[in-house]
Amino acid sequence: MYNCIAVLKGAGTLVAAAEKYFSGEMSAQYSPCRIWENTTGNPGMATAGSGDCLAGLIASLAGQGYKSIDAARMGVFVHGKAGDLAAQALGELGMTALDIAGCIPEALRQYYTCK
């Protein structure tokens, strides 16, 4: 078993990790997997650089001290929310990764406000 968290970007982005990430037990024994389907995002996000934007957001959250699984789940949600905000402002057609990145601060503000 690989000691990792997987993010499968697409319609309904999935985040998967071994159960041990949640139980606190980090033994090498087999552990069942949990999978989450994200509820934010839209088809306009299928654009060059969008995955790089997501990876950078997750890395930034991890660098700020969030646990890896929390950084992945929060990053996926906020990235999708930023894409939704960009689509509301500009429309899905022709949306770029820069448009998504530009909406991340507002998406984070909304995330923390709703928490």
N, C-alpha and C. Protein backbone atom coordinates (compact mmCIF):
# COMPACT_ATOMS: atom_id res chain seq x y z
N MET A 1 0.83 -1.17 0.00
CA MET A 1 0.00 0.00 0.00
C MET A 1 0.88 1.24 0.00
N TYR A 2 0.51 2.21 -0.81
CA TYR A 2 1.23 3.47 -0.86
C TYR A 2 0.64 4.41 0.20
N ASN A 3 1.50 5.08 0.90
CA ASN A 3 1.09 6.00 1.96
C ASN A 3 0.80 7.36 1.32
N CYS A 4 -0.37 7.51 0.67
CA CYS A 4 -0.62 8.74 -0.07
C CYS A 4 -2.10 9.12 -0.04
N ILE A 5 -2.32 10.30 -0.52
CA ILE A 5 -3.67 10.82 -0.73
C ILE A 5 -3.78 11.06 -2.22
N ALA A 6 -4.87 10.64 -2.83
CA ALA A 6 -5.05 10.79 -4.27
C ALA A 6 -6.17 11.78 -4.56
N VAL A 7 -5.94 12.64 -5.55
CA VAL A 7 -6.95 13.58 -6.02
C VAL A 7 -7.18 13.27 -7.49
N LEU A 8 -8.40 12.90 -7.85
CA LEU A 8 -8.76 12.62 -9.23
C LEU A 8 -9.62 13.78 -9.73
N LYS A 9 -8.98 14.67 -10.50
CA LYS A 9 -9.64 15.88 -10.95
C LYS A 9 -10.55 15.56 -12.13
N GLY A 10 -11.76 16.07 -12.07
CA GLY A 10 -12.73 15.90 -13.14
C GLY A 10 -14.10 16.29 -12.64
N ALA A 11 -15.12 15.92 -13.38
CA ALA A 11 -16.49 16.20 -12.93
C ALA A 11 -16.70 15.48 -11.61
N GLY A 12 -16.97 16.22 -10.56
CA GLY A 12 -17.09 15.60 -9.24
C GLY A 12 -15.74 15.12 -8.76
N THR A 13 -14.75 16.00 -8.69
CA THR A 13 -13.39 15.64 -8.27
C THR A 13 -13.43 14.76 -7.03
N LEU A 14 -12.61 13.70 -7.03
CA LEU A 14 -12.56 12.76 -5.92
C LEU A 14 -11.27 12.93 -5.14
N VAL A 15 -11.39 12.80 -3.82
CA VAL A 15 -10.22 12.77 -2.93
C VAL A 15 -10.29 11.45 -2.19
N ALA A 16 -9.21 10.69 -2.23
CA ALA A 16 -9.19 9.38 -1.57
C ALA A 16 -7.97 9.27 -0.67
N ALA A 17 -8.16 8.62 0.48
CA ALA A 17 -7.06 8.41 1.41
C ALA A 17 -7.37 7.20 2.28
N ALA A 18 -6.31 6.60 2.80
CA ALA A 18 -6.48 5.46 3.70
C ALA A 18 -7.15 5.91 4.99
N GLU A 19 -7.92 5.03 5.56
CA GLU A 19 -8.63 5.30 6.81
C GLU A 19 -7.69 5.78 7.90
N LYS A 20 -6.45 5.31 7.89
CA LYS A 20 -5.51 5.66 8.96
C LYS A 20 -5.21 7.15 9.00
N TYR A 21 -5.46 7.87 7.92
CA TYR A 21 -5.27 9.31 7.95
C TYR A 21 -6.27 9.98 8.88
N PHE A 22 -7.37 9.30 9.16
CA PHE A 22 -8.42 9.88 9.98
C PHE A 22 -8.43 9.32 11.38
N SER A 23 -7.97 8.10 11.54
CA SER A 23 -7.98 7.47 12.85
C SER A 23 -6.74 7.87 13.65
N GLY A 24 -5.74 8.44 12.98
CA GLY A 24 -4.50 8.81 13.65
C GLY A 24 -3.51 7.67 13.71
N GLU A 25 -3.93 6.47 13.36
CA GLU A 25 -3.04 5.30 13.38
C GLU A 25 -2.26 5.27 12.08
N MET A 26 -0.95 5.34 12.18
CA MET A 26 -0.11 5.37 10.98
C MET A 26 0.70 4.09 10.83
N SER A 27 0.14 2.95 11.22
CA SER A 27 0.86 1.69 11.07
C SER A 27 0.89 1.29 9.60
N ALA A 28 1.73 0.34 9.28
CA ALA A 28 1.87 -0.11 7.90
C ALA A 28 0.81 -1.13 7.53
N GLN A 29 -0.08 -1.46 8.44
CA GLN A 29 -1.11 -2.46 8.16
C GLN A 29 -2.11 -1.92 7.15
N TYR A 30 -2.76 -2.85 6.45
CA TYR A 30 -3.78 -2.47 5.48
C TYR A 30 -4.87 -1.67 6.19
N SER A 31 -5.33 -0.68 5.51
CA SER A 31 -6.35 0.19 6.06
C SER A 31 -7.37 0.48 4.97
N PRO A 32 -8.67 0.40 5.26
CA PRO A 32 -9.66 0.73 4.23
C PRO A 32 -9.53 2.18 3.77
N CYS A 33 -10.12 2.48 2.66
CA CYS A 33 -10.00 3.79 2.04
C CYS A 33 -11.31 4.56 2.17
N ARG A 34 -11.20 5.87 2.34
CA ARG A 34 -12.36 6.77 2.28
C ARG A 34 -12.24 7.60 1.02
N ILE A 35 -13.39 7.87 0.40
CA ILE A 35 -13.41 8.66 -0.83
C ILE A 35 -14.47 9.75 -0.68
N TRP A 36 -14.11 10.97 -1.09
CA TRP A 36 -15.05 12.08 -1.10
C TRP A 36 -15.24 12.56 -2.52
N GLU A 37 -16.48 12.95 -2.83
CA GLU A 37 -16.76 13.60 -4.11
C GLU A 37 -17.02 15.07 -3.84
N ASN A 38 -16.30 15.93 -4.52
CA ASN A 38 -16.45 17.37 -4.33
C ASN A 38 -17.77 17.85 -4.93
N THR A 39 -18.32 18.90 -4.33
CA THR A 39 -19.62 19.43 -4.76
C THR A 39 -19.49 20.77 -5.49
N THR A 40 -18.28 21.29 -5.64
CA THR A 40 -18.11 22.56 -6.33
C THR A 40 -17.41 22.35 -7.66
N GLY A 41 -17.49 23.34 -8.53
CA GLY A 41 -16.81 23.27 -9.82
C GLY A 41 -17.80 23.19 -10.97
N ASN A 42 -17.27 23.31 -12.19
CA ASN A 42 -18.12 23.32 -13.38
C ASN A 42 -17.28 22.92 -14.60
N PRO A 43 -17.93 22.61 -15.74
CA PRO A 43 -17.19 22.17 -16.92
C PRO A 43 -16.20 23.19 -17.48
N GLY A 44 -16.41 24.46 -17.20
CA GLY A 44 -15.49 25.49 -17.70
C GLY A 44 -14.09 25.35 -17.11
N MET A 45 -13.97 24.59 -16.05
CA MET A 45 -12.67 24.41 -15.40
C MET A 45 -11.78 23.41 -16.14
N ALA A 46 -12.30 22.77 -17.17
CA ALA A 46 -11.51 21.83 -17.97
C ALA A 46 -10.68 22.65 -18.95
N THR A 47 -9.66 23.30 -18.41
CA THR A 47 -8.83 24.20 -19.20
C THR A 47 -7.37 24.04 -18.79
N ALA A 48 -6.49 24.36 -19.71
CA ALA A 48 -5.05 24.21 -19.45
C ALA A 48 -4.63 25.00 -18.22
N GLY A 49 -3.92 24.36 -17.33
CA GLY A 49 -3.40 25.02 -16.14
C GLY A 49 -4.28 24.93 -14.92
N SER A 50 -5.51 24.47 -15.09
CA SER A 50 -6.42 24.37 -13.95
C SER A 50 -5.91 23.38 -12.91
N GLY A 51 -5.37 22.28 -13.35
CA GLY A 51 -4.81 21.28 -12.42
C GLY A 51 -3.59 21.81 -11.69
N ASP A 52 -2.79 22.62 -12.39
CA ASP A 52 -1.63 23.25 -11.75
C ASP A 52 -2.08 24.21 -10.66
N CYS A 53 -3.15 24.94 -10.94
CA CYS A 53 -3.72 25.86 -9.96
C CYS A 53 -4.18 25.08 -8.73
N LEU A 54 -4.84 23.95 -8.94
CA LEU A 54 -5.30 23.10 -7.84
C LEU A 54 -4.12 22.56 -7.03
N ALA A 55 -3.11 22.07 -7.71
CA ALA A 55 -1.94 21.52 -7.01
C ALA A 55 -1.24 22.60 -6.18
N GLY A 56 -1.13 23.79 -6.73
CA GLY A 56 -0.52 24.88 -5.99
C GLY A 56 -1.32 25.28 -4.77
N LEU A 57 -2.64 25.26 -4.89
CA LEU A 57 -3.51 25.59 -3.77
C LEU A 57 -3.36 24.56 -2.66
N ILE A 58 -3.37 23.29 -3.02
CA ILE A 58 -3.21 22.22 -2.02
C ILE A 58 -1.83 22.34 -1.34
N ALA A 59 -0.79 22.56 -2.13
CA ALA A 59 0.56 22.70 -1.56
C ALA A 59 0.64 23.91 -0.62
N SER A 60 -0.01 24.99 -1.00
CA SER A 60 -0.03 26.18 -0.16
C SER A 60 -0.71 25.92 1.18
N LEU A 61 -1.82 25.23 1.15
CA LEU A 61 -2.54 24.91 2.39
C LEU A 61 -1.71 23.98 3.27
N ALA A 62 -1.05 23.00 2.65
CA ALA A 62 -0.19 22.10 3.42
C ALA A 62 0.97 22.88 4.02
N GLY A 63 1.52 23.81 3.26
CA GLY A 63 2.62 24.63 3.75
C GLY A 63 2.21 25.56 4.89
N GLN A 64 0.92 25.85 4.98
CA GLN A 64 0.41 26.69 6.06
C GLN A 64 0.11 25.88 7.32
N GLY A 65 0.35 24.56 7.24
CA GLY A 65 0.21 23.73 8.42
C GLY A 65 -1.00 22.83 8.47
N TYR A 66 -1.85 22.85 7.46
CA TYR A 66 -2.99 21.93 7.44
C TYR A 66 -2.48 20.50 7.25
N LYS A 67 -3.14 19.54 7.89
CA LYS A 67 -2.81 18.13 7.65
C LYS A 67 -3.03 17.85 6.17
N SER A 68 -2.29 16.91 5.63
CA SER A 68 -2.34 16.61 4.20
C SER A 68 -3.75 16.35 3.70
N ILE A 69 -4.50 15.54 4.43
CA ILE A 69 -5.86 15.22 3.97
C ILE A 69 -6.75 16.45 4.01
N ASP A 70 -6.58 17.29 5.03
CA ASP A 70 -7.38 18.51 5.13
C ASP A 70 -7.01 19.49 4.02
N ALA A 71 -5.72 19.60 3.71
CA ALA A 71 -5.27 20.48 2.64
C ALA A 71 -5.84 20.02 1.30
N ALA A 72 -5.86 18.71 1.06
CA ALA A 72 -6.40 18.18 -0.20
C ALA A 72 -7.90 18.44 -0.31
N ARG A 73 -8.64 18.11 0.73
CA ARG A 73 -10.09 18.29 0.67
C ARG A 73 -10.48 19.76 0.58
N MET A 74 -9.85 20.59 1.39
CA MET A 74 -10.15 22.02 1.37
C MET A 74 -9.72 22.64 0.04
N GLY A 75 -8.54 22.24 -0.44
CA GLY A 75 -8.05 22.77 -1.71
C GLY A 75 -8.97 22.44 -2.86
N VAL A 76 -9.45 21.22 -2.91
CA VAL A 76 -10.37 20.80 -3.98
C VAL A 76 -11.67 21.61 -3.90
N PHE A 77 -12.20 21.77 -2.70
CA PHE A 77 -13.45 22.50 -2.54
C PHE A 77 -13.27 23.97 -2.94
N VAL A 78 -12.24 24.61 -2.43
CA VAL A 78 -12.00 26.04 -2.70
C VAL A 78 -11.69 26.26 -4.18
N HIS A 79 -10.93 25.36 -4.79
CA HIS A 79 -10.62 25.45 -6.22
C HIS A 79 -11.92 25.40 -7.04
N GLY A 80 -12.79 24.47 -6.70
CA GLY A 80 -14.07 24.38 -7.40
C GLY A 80 -14.93 25.61 -7.18
N LYS A 81 -14.94 26.12 -5.96
CA LYS A 81 -15.71 27.33 -5.65
C LYS A 81 -15.17 28.51 -6.44
N ALA A 82 -13.85 28.63 -6.54
CA ALA A 82 -13.24 29.70 -7.34
C ALA A 82 -13.66 29.57 -8.81
N GLY A 83 -13.72 28.33 -9.30
CA GLY A 83 -14.19 28.09 -10.67
C GLY A 83 -15.64 28.49 -10.84
N ASP A 84 -16.45 28.24 -9.84
CA ASP A 84 -17.86 28.64 -9.90
C ASP A 84 -18.00 30.16 -9.91
N LEU A 85 -17.19 30.84 -9.09
CA LEU A 85 -17.21 32.31 -9.07
C LEU A 85 -16.76 32.88 -10.41
N ALA A 86 -15.72 32.28 -10.99
CA ALA A 86 -15.24 32.74 -12.30
C ALA A 86 -16.31 32.53 -13.37
N ALA A 87 -17.00 31.40 -13.31
CA ALA A 87 -18.06 31.12 -14.29
C ALA A 87 -19.22 32.10 -14.13
N GLN A 88 -19.54 32.46 -12.90
CA GLN A 88 -20.61 33.44 -12.68
C GLN A 88 -20.24 34.80 -13.27
N ALA A 89 -18.98 35.17 -13.13
CA ALA A 89 -18.53 36.48 -13.59
C ALA A 89 -18.28 36.53 -15.09
N LEU A 90 -17.76 35.43 -15.66
CA LEU A 90 -17.29 35.45 -17.05
C LEU A 90 -17.99 34.46 -17.98
N GLY A 91 -18.67 33.48 -17.41
CA GLY A 91 -19.23 32.39 -18.20
C GLY A 91 -18.24 31.25 -18.28
N GLU A 92 -18.75 30.05 -18.53
CA GLU A 92 -17.88 28.87 -18.57
C GLU A 92 -17.02 28.81 -19.83
N LEU A 93 -17.56 29.28 -20.94
CA LEU A 93 -16.83 29.20 -22.20
C LEU A 93 -15.65 30.17 -22.20
N GLY A 94 -14.49 29.66 -22.48
CA GLY A 94 -13.30 30.49 -22.57
C GLY A 94 -12.66 30.82 -21.24
N MET A 95 -13.14 30.23 -20.16
CA MET A 95 -12.55 30.47 -18.85
C MET A 95 -11.12 29.92 -18.83
N THR A 96 -10.22 30.65 -18.18
CA THR A 96 -8.83 30.21 -18.11
C THR A 96 -8.44 29.90 -16.66
N ALA A 97 -7.30 29.26 -16.50
CA ALA A 97 -6.80 28.98 -15.15
C ALA A 97 -6.51 30.27 -14.39
N LEU A 98 -6.10 31.31 -15.10
CA LEU A 98 -5.86 32.60 -14.48
C LEU A 98 -7.16 33.19 -13.91
N ASP A 99 -8.27 32.97 -14.61
CA ASP A 99 -9.57 33.41 -14.10
C ASP A 99 -9.90 32.69 -12.80
N ILE A 100 -9.64 31.40 -12.77
CA ILE A 100 -9.89 30.60 -11.55
C ILE A 100 -9.00 31.09 -10.42
N ALA A 101 -7.71 31.24 -10.70
CA ALA A 101 -6.76 31.69 -9.68
C ALA A 101 -7.15 33.05 -9.12
N GLY A 102 -7.66 33.92 -9.98
CA GLY A 102 -8.07 35.25 -9.54
C GLY A 102 -9.24 35.24 -8.58
N CYS A 103 -10.01 34.17 -8.60
CA CYS A 103 -11.18 34.06 -7.72
C CYS A 103 -10.88 33.30 -6.42
N ILE A 104 -9.67 32.79 -6.26
CA ILE A 104 -9.34 32.03 -5.05
C ILE A 104 -9.47 32.87 -3.78
N PRO A 105 -9.00 34.12 -3.74
CA PRO A 105 -9.17 34.88 -2.49
C PRO A 105 -10.64 35.00 -2.05
N GLU A 106 -11.54 35.26 -2.98
CA GLU A 106 -12.96 35.35 -2.62
C GLU A 106 -13.51 33.98 -2.22
N ALA A 107 -13.08 32.93 -2.89
CA ALA A 107 -13.53 31.58 -2.53
C ALA A 107 -13.07 31.22 -1.13
N LEU A 108 -11.84 31.57 -0.78
CA LEU A 108 -11.34 31.33 0.58
C LEU A 108 -12.12 32.14 1.61
N ARG A 109 -12.40 33.40 1.28
CA ARG A 109 -13.18 34.23 2.19
C ARG A 109 -14.55 33.60 2.45
N GLN A 110 -15.20 33.14 1.39
CA GLN A 110 -16.51 32.51 1.55
C GLN A 110 -16.39 31.19 2.33
N TYR A 111 -15.32 30.44 2.10
CA TYR A 111 -15.12 29.18 2.81
C TYR A 111 -15.01 29.43 4.32
N TYR A 112 -14.17 30.39 4.69
CA TYR A 112 -13.97 30.67 6.11
C TYR A 112 -15.20 31.31 6.75
N THR A 113 -15.97 32.08 5.98
CA THR A 113 -17.19 32.71 6.49
C THR A 113 -18.25 31.66 6.79
N CYS A 114 -18.31 30.61 5.98
CA CYS A 114 -19.35 29.57 6.13
C CYS A 114 -18.96 28.51 7.11
N LYS A 115 -17.71 28.44 7.52
CA LYS A 115 -17.23 27.37 8.40
C LYS A 115 -17.85 27.43 9.76
